[in-house]
PDB file of all heavy atoms in Angstrom:
ATOM      1  N   THR A   1     -26.452  15.280   8.430  1.00  0.00           N
ATOM      2  CA  THR A   1     -25.760  14.037   8.766  1.00  0.00           C
ATOM      3  C   THR A   1     -24.321  14.065   8.280  1.00  0.00           C
ATOM      4  O   THR A   1     -23.398  13.677   8.979  1.00  0.00           O
ATOM      5  CB  THR A   1     -26.495  12.827   8.150  1.00  0.00           C
ATOM      6  OG1 THR A   1     -27.800  12.770   8.693  1.00  0.00           O
ATOM      7  CG2 THR A   1     -25.763  11.530   8.451  1.00  0.00           C
ATOM      8  N   ALA A   2     -24.119  14.539   7.036  1.00  0.00           N
ATOM      9  CA  ALA A   2     -22.762  14.615   6.472  1.00  0.00           C
ATOM     10  C   ALA A   2     -21.896  15.572   7.275  1.00  0.00           C
ATOM     11  O   ALA A   2     -20.715  15.331   7.509  1.00  0.00           O
ATOM     12  CB  ALA A   2     -22.835  15.048   5.007  1.00  0.00           C
ATOM     13  N   ALA A   3     -22.525  16.703   7.701  1.00  0.00           N
ATOM     14  CA  ALA A   3     -21.760  17.693   8.448  1.00  0.00           C
ATOM     15  C   ALA A   3     -21.356  17.157   9.814  1.00  0.00           C
ATOM     16  O   ALA A   3     -20.318  17.501  10.356  1.00  0.00           O
ATOM     17  CB  ALA A   3     -22.588  18.964   8.595  1.00  0.00           C
ATOM     18  N   MET A   4     -22.209  16.298  10.398  1.00  0.00           N
ATOM     19  CA  MET A   4     -21.926  15.763  11.718  1.00  0.00           C
ATOM     20  C   MET A   4     -20.871  14.667  11.684  1.00  0.00           C
ATOM     21  O   MET A   4     -20.226  14.393  12.675  1.00  0.00           O
ATOM     22  CB  MET A   4     -23.213  15.196  12.331  1.00  0.00           C
ATOM     23  CG  MET A   4     -24.232  16.261  12.722  1.00  0.00           C
ATOM     24  SD  MET A   4     -25.822  15.542  13.186  1.00  0.00           S
ATOM     25  CE  MET A   4     -25.340  14.472  14.525  1.00  0.00           C
ATOM     26  N   ALA A   5     -20.725  14.000  10.535  1.00  0.00           N
ATOM     27  CA  ALA A   5     -19.776  12.885  10.438  1.00  0.00           C
ATOM     28  C   ALA A   5     -18.352  13.385  10.617  1.00  0.00           C
ATOM     29  O   ALA A   5     -17.974  14.420  10.079  1.00  0.00           O
ATOM     30  CB  ALA A   5     -19.938  12.181   9.098  1.00  0.00           C
ATOM     31  N   GLY A   6     -17.574  12.628  11.389  1.00  0.00           N
ATOM     32  CA  GLY A   6     -16.178  12.969  11.581  1.00  0.00           C
ATOM     33  C   GLY A   6     -15.302  12.261  10.575  1.00  0.00           C
ATOM     34  O   GLY A   6     -15.784  11.500   9.725  1.00  0.00           O
ATOM     35  N   THR A   7     -14.000  12.486  10.669  1.00  0.00           N
ATOM     36  CA  THR A   7     -13.055  11.905   9.717  1.00  0.00           C
ATOM     37  C   THR A   7     -12.152  10.901  10.413  1.00  0.00           C
ATOM     38  O   THR A   7     -11.440  11.250  11.361  1.00  0.00           O
ATOM     39  CB  THR A   7     -12.189  13.004   9.074  1.00  0.00           C
ATOM     40  OG1 THR A   7     -13.043  13.943   8.418  1.00  0.00           O
ATOM     41  CG2 THR A   7     -11.226  12.402   8.059  1.00  0.00           C
ATOM     42  N   LEU A   8     -12.189   9.659   9.942  1.00  0.00           N
ATOM     43  CA  LEU A   8     -11.231   8.669  10.411  1.00  0.00           C
ATOM     44  C   LEU A   8      -9.862   9.024   9.861  1.00  0.00           C
ATOM     45  O   LEU A   8      -9.722   9.328   8.665  1.00  0.00           O
ATOM     46  CB  LEU A   8     -11.622   7.270   9.938  1.00  0.00           C
ATOM     47  CG  LEU A   8     -12.886   6.639  10.532  1.00  0.00           C
ATOM     48  CD1 LEU A   8     -13.168   5.311   9.853  1.00  0.00           C
ATOM     49  CD2 LEU A   8     -12.757   6.454  12.028  1.00  0.00           C
ATOM     50  N   THR A   9      -8.844   8.977  10.697  1.00  0.00           N
ATOM     51  CA  THR A   9      -7.482   9.289  10.252  1.00  0.00           C
ATOM     52  C   THR A   9      -6.570   8.087  10.474  1.00  0.00           C
ATOM     53  O   THR A   9      -6.943   7.120  11.143  1.00  0.00           O
ATOM     54  CB  THR A   9      -6.931  10.506  11.003  1.00  0.00           C
ATOM     55  OG1 THR A   9      -7.021  10.268  12.418  1.00  0.00           O
ATOM     56  CG2 THR A   9      -7.732  11.765  10.673  1.00  0.00           C
ATOM     57  N   ASN A  10      -5.360   8.171   9.918  1.00  0.00           N
ATOM     58  CA  ASN A  10      -4.356   7.099  10.044  1.00  0.00           C
ATOM     59  C   ASN A  10      -4.935   5.751   9.601  1.00  0.00           C
ATOM     60  O   ASN A  10      -4.671   4.716  10.229  1.00  0.00           O
ATOM     61  CB  ASN A  10      -3.849   6.992  11.484  1.00  0.00           C
ATOM     62  CG  ASN A  10      -3.332   8.311  12.016  1.00  0.00           C
ATOM     63  OD1 ASN A  10      -2.584   9.001  11.338  1.00  0.00           O
ATOM     64  ND2 ASN A  10      -3.734   8.684  13.216  1.00  0.00           N
ATOM     65  N   VAL A  11      -5.719   5.782   8.535  1.00  0.00           N
ATOM     66  CA  VAL A  11      -6.424   4.581   8.094  1.00  0.00           C
ATOM     67  C   VAL A  11      -5.515   3.746   7.189  1.00  0.00           C
ATOM     68  O   VAL A  11      -4.889   4.265   6.260  1.00  0.00           O
ATOM     69  CB  VAL A  11      -7.709   4.948   7.332  1.00  0.00           C
ATOM     70  CG1 VAL A  11      -8.498   3.691   6.975  1.00  0.00           C
ATOM     71  CG2 VAL A  11      -8.569   5.881   8.178  1.00  0.00           C
ATOM     72  N   SER A  12      -5.451   2.440   7.473  1.00  0.00           N
ATOM     73  CA  SER A  12      -4.642   1.552   6.624  1.00  0.00           C
ATOM     74  C   SER A  12      -5.206   0.146   6.676  1.00  0.00           C
ATOM     75  O   SER A  12      -5.864  -0.247   7.634  1.00  0.00           O
ATOM     76  CB  SER A  12      -3.179   1.540   7.079  1.00  0.00           C
ATOM     77  OG  SER A  12      -3.065   0.946   8.371  1.00  0.00           O
ATOM     78  N   VAL A  13      -4.946  -0.599   5.602  1.00  0.00           N
ATOM     79  CA  VAL A  13      -5.273  -2.022   5.530  1.00  0.00           C
ATOM     80  C   VAL A  13      -4.001  -2.741   5.123  1.00  0.00           C
ATOM     81  O   VAL A  13      -3.410  -2.425   4.083  1.00  0.00           O
ATOM     82  CB  VAL A  13      -6.395  -2.302   4.514  1.00  0.00           C
ATOM     83  CG1 VAL A  13      -6.614  -3.807   4.341  1.00  0.00           C
ATOM     84  CG2 VAL A  13      -7.693  -1.640   4.962  1.00  0.00           C
ATOM     85  N   THR A  14      -3.557  -3.700   5.940  1.00  0.00           N
ATOM     86  CA  THR A  14      -2.307  -4.418   5.692  1.00  0.00           C
ATOM     87  C   THR A  14      -2.581  -5.909   5.565  1.00  0.00           C
ATOM     88  O   THR A  14      -3.296  -6.481   6.394  1.00  0.00           O
ATOM     89  CB  THR A  14      -1.300  -4.179   6.836  1.00  0.00           C
ATOM     90  OG1 THR A  14      -1.121  -2.778   7.022  1.00  0.00           O
ATOM     91  CG2 THR A  14       0.045  -4.821   6.516  1.00  0.00           C
ATOM     92  N   LEU A  15      -2.010  -6.530   4.535  1.00  0.00           N
ATOM     93  CA  LEU A  15      -2.146  -7.967   4.324  1.00  0.00           C
ATOM     94  C   LEU A  15      -0.843  -8.657   4.711  1.00  0.00           C
ATOM     95  O   LEU A  15       0.241  -8.192   4.341  1.00  0.00           O
ATOM     96  CB  LEU A  15      -2.462  -8.271   2.864  1.00  0.00           C
ATOM     97  CG  LEU A  15      -3.623  -7.484   2.216  1.00  0.00           C
ATOM     98  CD1 LEU A  15      -3.813  -7.928   0.766  1.00  0.00           C
ATOM     99  CD2 LEU A  15      -4.896  -7.647   3.009  1.00  0.00           C
ATOM    100  N   SER A  16      -0.938  -9.777   5.436  1.00  0.00           N
ATOM    101  CA  SER A  16       0.283 -10.504   5.800  1.00  0.00           C
ATOM    102  C   SER A  16       0.853 -11.251   4.598  1.00  0.00           C
ATOM    103  O   SER A  16       2.046 -11.538   4.548  1.00  0.00           O
ATOM    104  CB  SER A  16       0.005 -11.483   6.939  1.00  0.00           C
ATOM    105  OG  SER A  16      -0.914 -12.490   6.525  1.00  0.00           O
ATOM    106  N   ASP A  17       0.004 -11.584   3.619  1.00  0.00           N
ATOM    107  CA  ASP A  17       0.450 -12.245   2.390  1.00  0.00           C
ATOM    108  C   ASP A  17      -0.329 -11.631   1.235  1.00  0.00           C
ATOM    109  O   ASP A  17      -1.525 -11.864   1.084  1.00  0.00           O
ATOM    110  CB  ASP A  17       0.189 -13.755   2.460  1.00  0.00           C
ATOM    111  CG  ASP A  17       0.890 -14.515   1.330  1.00  0.00           C
ATOM    112  OD1 ASP A  17       1.222 -13.892   0.293  1.00  0.00           O
ATOM    113  OD2 ASP A  17       1.101 -15.736   1.471  1.00  0.00           O
ATOM    114  N   SER A  18       0.350 -10.821   0.437  1.00  0.00           N
ATOM    115  CA  SER A  18      -0.332 -10.103  -0.643  1.00  0.00           C
ATOM    116  C   SER A  18      -0.262 -10.836  -1.985  1.00  0.00           C
ATOM    117  O   SER A  18      -0.643 -10.284  -3.009  1.00  0.00           O
ATOM    118  CB  SER A  18       0.266  -8.697  -0.794  1.00  0.00           C
ATOM    119  OG  SER A  18       1.653  -8.784  -1.084  1.00  0.00           O
ATOM    120  N   ARG A  19       0.223 -12.080  -1.990  1.00  0.00           N
ATOM    121  CA  ARG A  19       0.228 -12.853  -3.227  1.00  0.00           C
ATOM    122  C   ARG A  19      -1.197 -13.257  -3.595  1.00  0.00           C
ATOM    123  O   ARG A  19      -2.083 -13.297  -2.755  1.00  0.00           O
ATOM    124  CB  ARG A  19       1.102 -14.097  -3.071  1.00  0.00           C
ATOM    125  CG  ARG A  19       2.586 -13.799  -2.834  1.00  0.00           C
ATOM    126  CD  ARG A  19       3.340 -15.086  -2.552  1.00  0.00           C
ATOM    127  NE  ARG A  19       2.859 -15.722  -1.319  1.00  0.00           N
ATOM    128  CZ  ARG A  19       3.196 -16.954  -0.942  1.00  0.00           C
ATOM    129  NH1 ARG A  19       3.997 -17.683  -1.699  1.00  0.00           N
ATOM    130  NH2 ARG A  19       2.729 -17.444   0.187  1.00  0.00           N
ATOM    131  N   VAL A  20      -1.405 -13.564  -4.873  1.00  0.00           N
ATOM    132  CA  VAL A  20      -2.739 -13.952  -5.318  1.00  0.00           C
ATOM    133  C   VAL A  20      -3.116 -15.333  -4.777  1.00  0.00           C
ATOM    134  O   VAL A  20      -2.255 -16.189  -4.561  1.00  0.00           O
ATOM    135  CB  VAL A  20      -2.837 -13.956  -6.864  1.00  0.00           C
ATOM    136  CG1 VAL A  20      -2.616 -12.552  -7.416  1.00  0.00           C
ATOM    137  CG2 VAL A  20      -1.840 -14.926  -7.473  1.00  0.00           C
ATOM    138  N   SER A  21      -4.410 -15.505  -4.534  1.00  0.00           N
ATOM    139  CA  SER A  21      -4.989 -16.795  -4.118  1.00  0.00           C
ATOM    140  C   SER A  21      -4.322 -17.383  -2.874  1.00  0.00           C
ATOM    141  O   SER A  21      -4.074 -18.583  -2.805  1.00  0.00           O
ATOM    142  CB  SER A  21      -4.907 -17.797  -5.284  1.00  0.00           C
ATOM    143  OG  SER A  21      -5.540 -17.302  -6.430  1.00  0.00           O
ATOM    144  N   GLN A  22      -4.052 -16.544  -1.891  1.00  0.00           N
ATOM    145  CA  GLN A  22      -3.388 -16.997  -0.668  1.00  0.00           C
ATOM    146  C   GLN A  22      -4.207 -16.613   0.573  1.00  0.00           C
ATOM    147  O   GLN A  22      -4.813 -15.545   0.624  1.00  0.00           O
ATOM    148  CB  GLN A  22      -1.999 -16.369  -0.540  1.00  0.00           C
ATOM    149  CG  GLN A  22      -1.028 -16.747  -1.636  1.00  0.00           C
ATOM    150  CD  GLN A  22      -0.711 -18.233  -1.634  1.00  0.00           C
ATOM    151  OE1 GLN A  22      -0.479 -18.826  -0.594  1.00  0.00           O
ATOM    152  NE2 GLN A  22      -0.713 -18.835  -2.808  1.00  0.00           N
ATOM    153  N   PRO A  23      -4.206 -17.486   1.594  1.00  0.00           N
ATOM    154  CA  PRO A  23      -4.776 -17.067   2.880  1.00  0.00           C
ATOM    155  C   PRO A  23      -3.954 -15.911   3.431  1.00  0.00           C
ATOM    156  O   PRO A  23      -2.726 -15.889   3.296  1.00  0.00           O
ATOM    157  CB  PRO A  23      -4.635 -18.315   3.759  1.00  0.00           C
ATOM    158  CG  PRO A  23      -4.402 -19.447   2.810  1.00  0.00           C
ATOM    159  CD  PRO A  23      -3.702 -18.865   1.627  1.00  0.00           C
ATOM    160  N   THR A  24      -4.601 -14.948   4.058  1.00  0.00           N
ATOM    161  CA  THR A  24      -3.861 -13.791   4.558  1.00  0.00           C
ATOM    162  C   THR A  24      -4.533 -13.204   5.791  1.00  0.00           C
ATOM    163  O   THR A  24      -5.763 -13.155   5.881  1.00  0.00           O
ATOM    164  CB  THR A  24      -3.739 -12.694   3.483  1.00  0.00           C
ATOM    165  OG1 THR A  24      -2.989 -11.589   4.005  1.00  0.00           O
ATOM    166  CG2 THR A  24      -5.105 -12.190   3.043  1.00  0.00           C
TER     167      THR A  24
END
């Protein structure tokens, strides 16, 4: 199973507001 798994590339997570306790 591990050998068959491919690799996700160009992976990113972006927040529109990275301040604490904020909707984003």
